């Protein structure tokens, strides 16, 4: 197993043990359903997008972190309550795209305002959004054609990495760095996934 995959798995195991499971347990006891957790994640991401658009980056990072927390535990809540369903998985995947698109829209709005206008940053925001859509599309299409499982075409720049970079960059007040990383990483990740699918296809 490549070093990156090992590191990613180690982090996931640690997060699952020390955060995801305890948080999911607490929310379950409060009566929070998986779909409600997903919806709360979208609402918090929308708030993060608003704060990005208005230049309050540290506050945006806090809300984006909260959105990520709810996005992380909705599946765990479903498993705990034995309510795992295809409809819930569909809602979760759709919500992920909406949340990511909203935050990137916040970046775009911030950089097209007269006081903070930056044409390069606006283009980077669009490229980052297009790249994230292609990352998801390539994987979804590959799975729809039964060309591989979830892990086979995961790629090196998943949504988890993208969100963590956005949170860190916003926390230190560097939105332009966030956009550069996302605008470079997402298309490359989509290309990697495409190549993996292409090599695996045997018509």
C-alpha atoms as a PDB file:
ATOM      1  CA  UNK A   1       0.000   0.000   0.000  1.00  0.00           C
ATOM      2  CA  UNK A   2       1.465   3.422  -0.966  1.00  0.00           C
ATOM      3  CA  UNK A   3       2.621   5.694   1.844  1.00  0.00           C
ATOM      4  CA  UNK A   4      -0.085   8.267   1.074  1.00  0.00           C
ATOM      5  CA  UNK A   5      -2.816   5.647   1.365  1.00  0.00           C
ATOM      6  CA  UNK A   6      -1.372   4.365   4.637  1.00  0.00           C
ATOM      7  CA  UNK A   7      -1.243   7.868   6.069  1.00  0.00           C
ATOM      8  CA  UNK A   8      -4.776   8.582   4.898  1.00  0.00           C
ATOM      9  CA  UNK A   9      -6.045   5.350   6.446  1.00  0.00           C
ATOM     10  CA  UNK A  10      -4.242   6.081   9.738  1.00  0.00           C
ATOM     11  CA  UNK A  11      -5.832   9.535   9.923  1.00  0.00           C
ATOM     12  CA  UNK A  12      -9.266   8.140   9.092  1.00  0.00           C
ATOM     13  CA  UNK A  13      -8.980   5.459  11.756  1.00  0.00           C
ATOM     14  CA  UNK A  14      -7.909   8.036  14.352  1.00  0.00           C
ATOM     15  CA  UNK A  15     -10.673  10.466  13.419  1.00  0.00           C
ATOM     16  CA  UNK A  16     -13.237   7.667  13.412  1.00  0.00           C
ATOM     17  CA  UNK A  17     -12.216   6.405  16.841  1.00  0.00           C
ATOM     18  CA  UNK A  18     -11.701   9.692  18.662  1.00  0.00           C
ATOM     19  CA  UNK A  19     -14.203  12.001  16.959  1.00  0.00           C
ATOM     20  CA  UNK A  20     -16.644  10.418  14.533  1.00  0.00           C
ATOM     21  CA  UNK A  21     -17.987   7.678  16.786  1.00  0.00           C
ATOM     22  CA  UNK A  22     -18.282   9.789  19.983  1.00  0.00           C
ATOM     23  CA  UNK A  23     -19.899  12.694  18.090  1.00  0.00           C
ATOM     24  CA  UNK A  24     -22.287  10.383  16.223  1.00  0.00           C
ATOM     25  CA  UNK A  25     -23.241   8.717  19.514  1.00  0.00           C
ATOM     26  CA  UNK A  26     -23.972  12.087  21.132  1.00  0.00           C
ATOM     27  CA  UNK A  27     -26.057  13.288  18.175  1.00  0.00           C
ATOM     28  CA  UNK A  28     -27.992  10.010  18.086  1.00  0.00           C
ATOM     29  CA  UNK A  29     -28.911  10.424  21.743  1.00  0.00           C
ATOM     30  CA  UNK A  30     -30.173  13.925  20.927  1.00  0.00           C
ATOM     31  CA  UNK A  31     -32.420  12.487  18.216  1.00  0.00           C
ATOM     32  CA  UNK A  32     -30.483  13.876  15.247  1.00  0.00           C
ATOM     33  CA  UNK A  33     -31.206  11.814  12.135  1.00  0.00           C
ATOM     34  CA  UNK A  34     -28.656  11.154   9.361  1.00  0.00           C
ATOM     35  CA  UNK A  35     -30.504  13.396   6.907  1.00  0.00           C
ATOM     36  CA  UNK A  36     -30.726  16.186   9.472  1.00  0.00           C
ATOM     37  CA  UNK A  37     -26.975  15.946  10.061  1.00  0.00           C
ATOM     38  CA  UNK A  38     -26.424  16.188   6.298  1.00  0.00           C
ATOM     39  CA  UNK A  39     -28.731  19.197   6.071  1.00  0.00           C
ATOM     40  CA  UNK A  40     -27.005  20.938   8.981  1.00  0.00           C
ATOM     41  CA  UNK A  41     -23.702  20.428   7.170  1.00  0.00           C
ATOM     42  CA  UNK A  42     -25.078  22.198   4.095  1.00  0.00           C
ATOM     43  CA  UNK A  43     -26.408  25.083   6.181  1.00  0.00           C
ATOM     44  CA  UNK A  44     -23.051  25.546   7.906  1.00  0.00           C
ATOM     45  CA  UNK A  45     -21.244  25.370   4.552  1.00  0.00           C
ATOM     46  CA  UNK A  46     -23.570  28.056   3.199  1.00  0.00           C
ATOM     47  CA  UNK A  47     -22.732  30.219   6.217  1.00  0.00           C
ATOM     48  CA  UNK A  48     -19.029  29.593   5.562  1.00  0.00           C
ATOM     49  CA  UNK A  49     -19.543  30.673   1.948  1.00  0.00           C
ATOM     50  CA  UNK A  50     -21.166  33.908   3.123  1.00  0.00           C
ATOM     51  CA  UNK A  51     -18.257  34.706   5.408  1.00  0.00           C
ATOM     52  CA  UNK A  52     -15.765  33.932   2.637  1.00  0.00           C
ATOM     53  CA  UNK A  53     -17.634  36.276   0.302  1.00  0.00           C
ATOM     54  CA  UNK A  54     -17.535  39.038   2.908  1.00  0.00           C
ATOM     55  CA  UNK A  55     -13.844  38.561   3.687  1.00  0.00           C
ATOM     56  CA  UNK A  56     -14.221  37.125   7.192  1.00  0.00           C
ATOM     57  CA  UNK A  57     -11.984  34.174   6.511  1.00  0.00           C
ATOM     58  CA  UNK A  58     -11.252  32.986  10.052  1.00  0.00           C
ATOM     59  CA  UNK A  59     -14.956  32.877  10.840  1.00  0.00           C
ATOM     60  CA  UNK A  60     -15.531  31.051   7.556  1.00  0.00           C
ATOM     61  CA  UNK A  61     -12.977  28.417   8.559  1.00  0.00           C
ATOM     62  CA  UNK A  62     -14.855  27.784  11.818  1.00  0.00           C
ATOM     63  CA  UNK A  63     -18.167  27.256  10.029  1.00  0.00           C
ATOM     64  CA  UNK A  64     -16.530  25.109   7.365  1.00  0.00           C
ATOM     65  CA  UNK A  65     -15.013  22.966  10.110  1.00  0.00           C
ATOM     66  CA  UNK A  66     -18.478  22.575  11.638  1.00  0.00           C
ATOM     67  CA  UNK A  67     -19.940  21.662   8.257  1.00  0.00           C
ATOM     68  CA  UNK A  68     -17.236  19.023   7.812  1.00  0.00           C
ATOM     69  CA  UNK A  69     -17.990  17.577  11.239  1.00  0.00           C
ATOM     70  CA  UNK A  70     -21.654  17.013  10.393  1.00  0.00           C
ATOM     71  CA  UNK A  71     -20.765  15.696   6.953  1.00  0.00           C
ATOM     72  CA  UNK A  72     -18.417  13.228   8.614  1.00  0.00           C
ATOM     73  CA  UNK A  73     -20.929  11.769  11.066  1.00  0.00           C
ATOM     74  CA  UNK A  74     -24.115  11.433   9.022  1.00  0.00           C
ATOM     75  CA  UNK A  75     -23.087   7.991   7.803  1.00  0.00           C
ATOM     76  CA  UNK A  76     -22.056   6.909  11.300  1.00  0.00           C
ATOM     77  CA  UNK A  77     -25.447   8.001  12.660  1.00  0.00           C
ATOM     78  CA  UNK A  78     -27.173   5.997   9.916  1.00  0.00           C
ATOM     79  CA  UNK A  79     -25.199   2.891  10.823  1.00  0.00           C
ATOM     80  CA  UNK A  80     -25.897   3.337  14.524  1.00  0.00           C
ATOM     81  CA  UNK A  81     -29.629   3.734  13.951  1.00  0.00           C
ATOM     82  CA  UNK A  82     -29.749   1.026  11.279  1.00  0.00           C
ATOM     83  CA  UNK A  83     -31.171   3.496   8.757  1.00  0.00           C
ATOM     84  CA  UNK A  84     -28.568   3.176   6.004  1.00  0.00           C
ATOM     85  CA  UNK A  85     -30.283   3.645   2.647  1.00  0.00           C
ATOM     86  CA  UNK A  86     -29.518   4.451  -0.974  1.00  0.00           C
ATOM     87  CA  UNK A  87     -31.690   7.542  -0.686  1.00  0.00           C
ATOM     88  CA  UNK A  88     -29.604   8.776   2.232  1.00  0.00           C
ATOM     89  CA  UNK A  89     -26.372   8.086   0.360  1.00  0.00           C
ATOM     90  CA  UNK A  90     -27.729   9.975  -2.653  1.00  0.00           C
ATOM     91  CA  UNK A  91     -28.697  12.918  -0.465  1.00  0.00           C
ATOM     92  CA  UNK A  92     -25.283  12.934   1.188  1.00  0.00           C
ATOM     93  CA  UNK A  93     -23.399  12.910  -2.133  1.00  0.00           C
ATOM     94  CA  UNK A  94     -25.582  15.671  -3.546  1.00  0.00           C
ATOM     95  CA  UNK A  95     -25.153  17.743  -0.391  1.00  0.00           C
ATOM     96  CA  UNK A  96     -21.372  17.394  -0.669  1.00  0.00           C
ATOM     97  CA  UNK A  97     -21.414  18.892  -4.155  1.00  0.00           C
ATOM     98  CA  UNK A  98     -23.732  21.721  -3.070  1.00  0.00           C
ATOM     99  CA  UNK A  99     -21.562  22.538  -0.055  1.00  0.00           C
ATOM    100  CA  UNK A 100     -18.328  22.576  -2.029  1.00  0.00           C
ATOM    101  CA  UNK A 101     -19.886  24.623  -4.810  1.00  0.00           C
ATOM    102  CA  UNK A 102     -21.260  27.141  -2.310  1.00  0.00           C
ATOM    103  CA  UNK A 103     -17.881  27.707  -0.687  1.00  0.00           C
ATOM    104  CA  UNK A 104     -16.147  28.147  -4.041  1.00  0.00           C
ATOM    105  CA  UNK A 105     -18.890  30.576  -5.041  1.00  0.00           C
ATOM    106  CA  UNK A 106     -18.034  32.516  -1.892  1.00  0.00           C
ATOM    107  CA  UNK A 107     -14.430  32.781  -3.084  1.00  0.00           C
ATOM    108  CA  UNK A 108     -15.605  33.935  -6.513  1.00  0.00           C
ATOM    109  CA  UNK A 109     -17.918  36.591  -5.074  1.00  0.00           C
ATOM    110  CA  UNK A 110     -15.154  37.917  -2.845  1.00  0.00           C
ATOM    111  CA  UNK A 111     -12.695  38.286  -5.708  1.00  0.00           C
ATOM    112  CA  UNK A 112     -15.093  39.972  -8.158  1.00  0.00           C
ATOM    113  CA  UNK A 113     -16.052  42.780  -5.787  1.00  0.00           C
ATOM    114  CA  UNK A 114     -14.520  46.156  -6.749  1.00  0.00           C
ATOM    115  CA  UNK A 115     -12.580  46.520  -3.499  1.00  0.00           C
ATOM    116  CA  UNK A 116     -10.969  43.088  -3.754  1.00  0.00           C
ATOM    117  CA  UNK A 117     -11.132  42.425  -7.490  1.00  0.00           C
ATOM    118  CA  UNK A 118      -8.649  39.835  -8.711  1.00  0.00           C
ATOM    119  CA  UNK A 119      -9.237  38.365 -12.149  1.00  0.00           C
ATOM    120  CA  UNK A 120      -6.745  35.540 -11.646  1.00  0.00           C
ATOM    121  CA  UNK A 121      -8.393  34.470  -8.403  1.00  0.00           C
ATOM    122  CA  UNK A 122     -11.823  34.485 -10.048  1.00  0.00           C
ATOM    123  CA  UNK A 123     -10.526  32.172 -12.786  1.00  0.00           C
ATOM    124  CA  UNK A 124      -8.903  29.926 -10.182  1.00  0.00           C
ATOM    125  CA  UNK A 125     -12.222  29.647  -8.339  1.00  0.00           C
ATOM    126  CA  UNK A 126     -13.933  28.522 -11.541  1.00  0.00           C
ATOM    127  CA  UNK A 127     -11.169  26.023 -12.359  1.00  0.00           C
ATOM    128  CA  UNK A 128     -11.311  24.631  -8.808  1.00  0.00           C
ATOM    129  CA  UNK A 129     -15.079  24.173  -9.087  1.00  0.00           C
ATOM    130  CA  UNK A 130     -14.866  22.559 -12.527  1.00  0.00           C
ATOM    131  CA  UNK A 131     -12.092  20.274 -11.287  1.00  0.00           C
ATOM    132  CA  UNK A 132     -14.053  19.175  -8.234  1.00  0.00           C
ATOM    133  CA  UNK A 133     -17.071  18.385 -10.416  1.00  0.00           C
ATOM    134  CA  UNK A 134     -14.917  16.324 -12.774  1.00  0.00           C
ATOM    135  CA  UNK A 135     -13.336  14.430  -9.861  1.00  0.00           C
ATOM    136  CA  UNK A 136     -16.800  13.376  -8.713  1.00  0.00           C
ATOM    137  CA  UNK A 137     -18.101  12.747 -12.237  1.00  0.00           C
ATOM    138  CA  UNK A 138     -15.262  10.445 -13.285  1.00  0.00           C
ATOM    139  CA  UNK A 139     -15.700   8.310 -10.189  1.00  0.00           C
ATOM    140  CA  UNK A 140     -19.503   8.215 -10.467  1.00  0.00           C
ATOM    141  CA  UNK A 141     -19.353   7.312 -14.161  1.00  0.00           C
ATOM    142  CA  UNK A 142     -16.764   4.590 -13.535  1.00  0.00           C
ATOM    143  CA  UNK A 143     -18.896   3.061 -10.810  1.00  0.00           C
ATOM    144  CA  UNK A 144     -22.001   3.353 -12.993  1.00  0.00           C
ATOM    145  CA  UNK A 145     -20.203   1.343 -15.666  1.00  0.00           C
ATOM    146  CA  UNK A 146     -19.014  -1.162 -13.042  1.00  0.00           C
ATOM    147  CA  UNK A 147     -15.381  -0.396 -13.803  1.00  0.00           C
ATOM    148  CA  UNK A 148     -14.197  -0.297 -10.196  1.00  0.00           C
ATOM    149  CA  UNK A 149     -15.078   0.038  -6.548  1.00  0.00           C
ATOM    150  CA  UNK A 150     -15.008   3.100  -4.340  1.00  0.00           C
ATOM    151  CA  UNK A 151     -11.374   2.759  -3.331  1.00  0.00           C
ATOM    152  CA  UNK A 152      -9.999   1.919  -6.748  1.00  0.00           C
ATOM    153  CA  UNK A 153     -10.535   5.377  -8.218  1.00  0.00           C
ATOM    154  CA  UNK A 154     -10.342   7.411  -5.039  1.00  0.00           C
ATOM    155  CA  UNK A 155      -7.533   9.627  -6.305  1.00  0.00           C
ATOM    156  CA  UNK A 156      -4.884  11.571  -4.442  1.00  0.00           C
ATOM    157  CA  UNK A 157      -6.928  14.757  -3.869  1.00  0.00           C
ATOM    158  CA  UNK A 158     -10.269  13.720  -2.420  1.00  0.00           C
ATOM    159  CA  UNK A 159     -12.908  15.995  -0.919  1.00  0.00           C
ATOM    160  CA  UNK A 160     -11.382  15.434   2.509  1.00  0.00           C
ATOM    161  CA  UNK A 161      -8.056  16.910   1.418  1.00  0.00           C
ATOM    162  CA  UNK A 162      -9.786  19.776  -0.372  1.00  0.00           C
ATOM    163  CA  UNK A 163     -11.838  20.717   2.678  1.00  0.00           C
ATOM    164  CA  UNK A 164      -8.845  20.510   5.025  1.00  0.00           C
ATOM    165  CA  UNK A 165      -6.818  22.781   2.742  1.00  0.00           C
ATOM    166  CA  UNK A 166      -9.687  25.272   2.577  1.00  0.00           C
ATOM    167  CA  UNK A 167     -10.081  25.281   6.375  1.00  0.00           C
ATOM    168  CA  UNK A 168      -6.347  25.745   6.977  1.00  0.00           C
ATOM    169  CA  UNK A 169      -5.948  28.434   4.321  1.00  0.00           C
ATOM    170  CA  UNK A 170      -8.957  30.406   5.535  1.00  0.00           C
ATOM    171  CA  UNK A 171      -7.818  30.107   9.154  1.00  0.00           C
ATOM    172  CA  UNK A 172      -4.576  31.904   8.291  1.00  0.00           C
ATOM    173  CA  UNK A 173      -6.308  34.381   6.012  1.00  0.00           C
ATOM    174  CA  UNK A 174      -4.826  33.161   2.723  1.00  0.00           C
ATOM    175  CA  UNK A 175      -7.748  32.589   0.317  1.00  0.00           C
ATOM    176  CA  UNK A 176      -5.598  33.023  -2.780  1.00  0.00           C
ATOM    177  CA  UNK A 177      -3.288  30.195  -1.712  1.00  0.00           C
ATOM    178  CA  UNK A 178      -6.342  27.989  -1.175  1.00  0.00           C
ATOM    179  CA  UNK A 179      -7.551  28.683  -4.698  1.00  0.00           C
ATOM    180  CA  UNK A 180      -4.151  28.015  -6.265  1.00  0.00           C
ATOM    181  CA  UNK A 181      -3.881  24.652  -4.506  1.00  0.00           C
ATOM    182  CA  UNK A 182      -7.450  23.654  -5.399  1.00  0.00           C
ATOM    183  CA  UNK A 183      -7.171  24.872  -8.986  1.00  0.00           C
ATOM    184  CA  UNK A 184      -4.048  22.777  -9.525  1.00  0.00           C
ATOM    185  CA  UNK A 185      -4.956  19.744  -7.424  1.00  0.00           C
ATOM    186  CA  UNK A 186      -8.517  19.084  -8.546  1.00  0.00           C
ATOM    187  CA  UNK A 187      -7.855  18.865 -12.321  1.00  0.00           C
ATOM    188  CA  UNK A 188      -4.810  16.667 -11.691  1.00  0.00           C
ATOM    189  CA  UNK A 189      -6.853  14.395  -9.449  1.00  0.00           C
ATOM    190  CA  UNK A 190      -9.593  14.171 -12.081  1.00  0.00           C
ATOM    191  CA  UNK A 191      -6.964  13.319 -14.686  1.00  0.00           C
ATOM    192  CA  UNK A 192      -5.518  10.634 -12.414  1.00  0.00           C
ATOM    193  CA  UNK A 193      -8.931   9.082 -11.934  1.00  0.00           C
ATOM    194  CA  UNK A 194      -9.639   9.226 -15.659  1.00  0.00           C
ATOM    195  CA  UNK A 195      -6.367   7.456 -16.427  1.00  0.00           C
ATOM    196  CA  UNK A 196      -7.088   4.784 -13.811  1.00  0.00           C
ATOM    197  CA  UNK A 197     -10.508   4.135 -15.341  1.00  0.00           C
ATOM    198  CA  UNK A 198      -9.108   4.180 -18.867  1.00  0.00           C
ATOM    199  CA  UNK A 199      -6.474   1.586 -18.023  1.00  0.00           C
ATOM    200  CA  UNK A 200      -9.018  -0.583 -16.242  1.00  0.00           C
ATOM    201  CA  UNK A 201     -11.595  -0.547 -19.025  1.00  0.00           C
ATOM    202  CA  UNK A 202     -11.562  -3.780 -21.049  1.00  0.00           C
ATOM    203  CA  UNK A 203     -14.138  -3.605 -23.829  1.00  0.00           C
END
